[in-house]
């Protein structure tokens, strides 16, 4: 069974997978190659989880600011990652 891409995992799924990886690495029963692959995946999961937490924290700050009536939360649109120049 192929692993899901990290960006396709929910926060909970990513967190649970990271816990499984940590337990497996701590057991010391994995081959070197498998340990390195698991470690690499674990680092990517940690990065993703931190980014999601940072994003959620920013959203909470915006909502709290909005609650006092000084600002309004407006849905934005992601910037284009296209490298072409549009005129």
Protein backbone atom coordinates (compact mmCIF):
# COMPACT_ATOMS: atom_id res chain seq x y z
CA UNK A 1 0.00 0.00 0.00
CA UNK A 2 1.44 3.37 -1.04
CA UNK A 3 1.71 6.16 1.49
CA UNK A 4 -0.53 9.16 1.04
CA UNK A 5 1.16 12.40 0.16
CA UNK A 6 1.67 14.45 3.31
CA UNK A 7 -0.43 17.33 1.99
CA UNK A 8 -3.35 14.91 1.51
CA UNK A 9 -3.31 13.83 5.17
CA UNK A 10 -5.52 15.46 7.75
CA UNK A 11 -3.77 16.98 10.74
CA UNK A 12 -4.83 14.02 12.86
CA UNK A 13 -3.63 11.46 10.29
CA UNK A 14 -0.26 13.22 9.96
CA UNK A 15 0.12 13.37 13.74
CA UNK A 16 -0.74 9.68 14.14
CA UNK A 17 1.66 8.66 11.38
CA UNK A 18 4.42 10.68 13.04
CA UNK A 19 3.75 8.89 16.33
CA UNK A 20 3.99 5.50 14.56
CA UNK A 21 7.27 6.50 12.94
CA UNK A 22 8.72 7.62 16.26
CA UNK A 23 7.72 4.36 17.94
CA UNK A 24 9.18 2.31 15.08
CA UNK A 25 12.45 4.25 15.13
CA UNK A 26 12.71 3.93 18.91
CA UNK A 27 12.20 0.17 18.70
CA UNK A 28 15.50 -0.21 16.86
CA UNK A 29 14.11 -3.09 14.80
CA UNK A 30 14.18 -1.38 11.40
CA UNK A 31 16.89 -1.82 8.81
CA UNK A 32 19.13 1.20 8.18
CA UNK A 33 17.52 2.07 4.84
CA UNK A 34 14.01 1.82 6.28
CA UNK A 35 15.07 3.92 9.27
CA UNK A 36 16.41 6.65 6.98
CA UNK A 37 13.24 6.65 4.88
CA UNK A 38 11.08 6.80 8.01
CA UNK A 39 13.20 9.56 9.51
CA UNK A 40 12.93 11.60 6.30
CA UNK A 41 9.15 11.13 6.22
CA UNK A 42 8.97 12.07 9.91
CA UNK A 43 10.86 15.32 9.32
CA UNK A 44 8.48 16.18 6.47
CA UNK A 45 5.49 15.40 8.71
CA UNK A 46 6.85 17.64 11.50
CA UNK A 47 7.35 20.48 9.02
CA UNK A 48 3.80 20.08 7.70
CA UNK A 49 2.29 19.93 11.19
CA UNK A 50 4.18 23.07 12.28
CA UNK A 51 3.05 24.95 9.18
CA UNK A 52 -0.57 23.94 9.82
CA UNK A 53 -0.35 25.06 13.44
CA UNK A 54 1.20 28.39 12.41
CA UNK A 55 -1.59 28.90 9.87
CA UNK A 56 -4.28 28.06 12.42
CA UNK A 57 -2.69 30.39 14.96
CA UNK A 58 -2.67 33.21 12.41
CA UNK A 59 -6.33 32.58 11.59
CA UNK A 60 -7.23 32.72 15.29
CA UNK A 61 -5.36 36.02 15.67
CA UNK A 62 -7.25 37.46 12.70
CA UNK A 63 -10.58 36.25 14.08
CA UNK A 64 -9.81 37.67 17.53
CA UNK A 65 -8.92 41.00 15.99
CA UNK A 66 -12.14 40.88 13.98
CA UNK A 67 -14.18 40.23 17.12
CA UNK A 68 -13.25 43.60 18.58
CA UNK A 69 -14.64 45.27 15.46
CA UNK A 70 -11.44 46.81 14.17
CA UNK A 71 -10.85 44.47 11.24
CA UNK A 72 -12.89 42.18 9.05
CA UNK A 73 -11.82 38.74 7.91
CA UNK A 74 -12.08 38.49 4.15
CA UNK A 75 -11.45 35.29 2.23
CA UNK A 76 -8.35 35.71 0.12
CA UNK A 77 -7.09 34.07 -3.00
CA UNK A 78 -3.76 32.30 -3.13
CA UNK A 79 -1.07 33.98 -5.18
CA UNK A 80 -0.21 32.40 -8.49
CA UNK A 81 2.87 30.21 -8.59
CA UNK A 82 3.05 30.53 -12.37
CA UNK A 83 6.40 31.88 -13.51
CA UNK A 84 5.06 33.47 -16.68
CA UNK A 85 4.87 37.23 -16.97
CA UNK A 86 1.38 38.60 -17.56
CA UNK A 87 0.89 42.08 -18.88
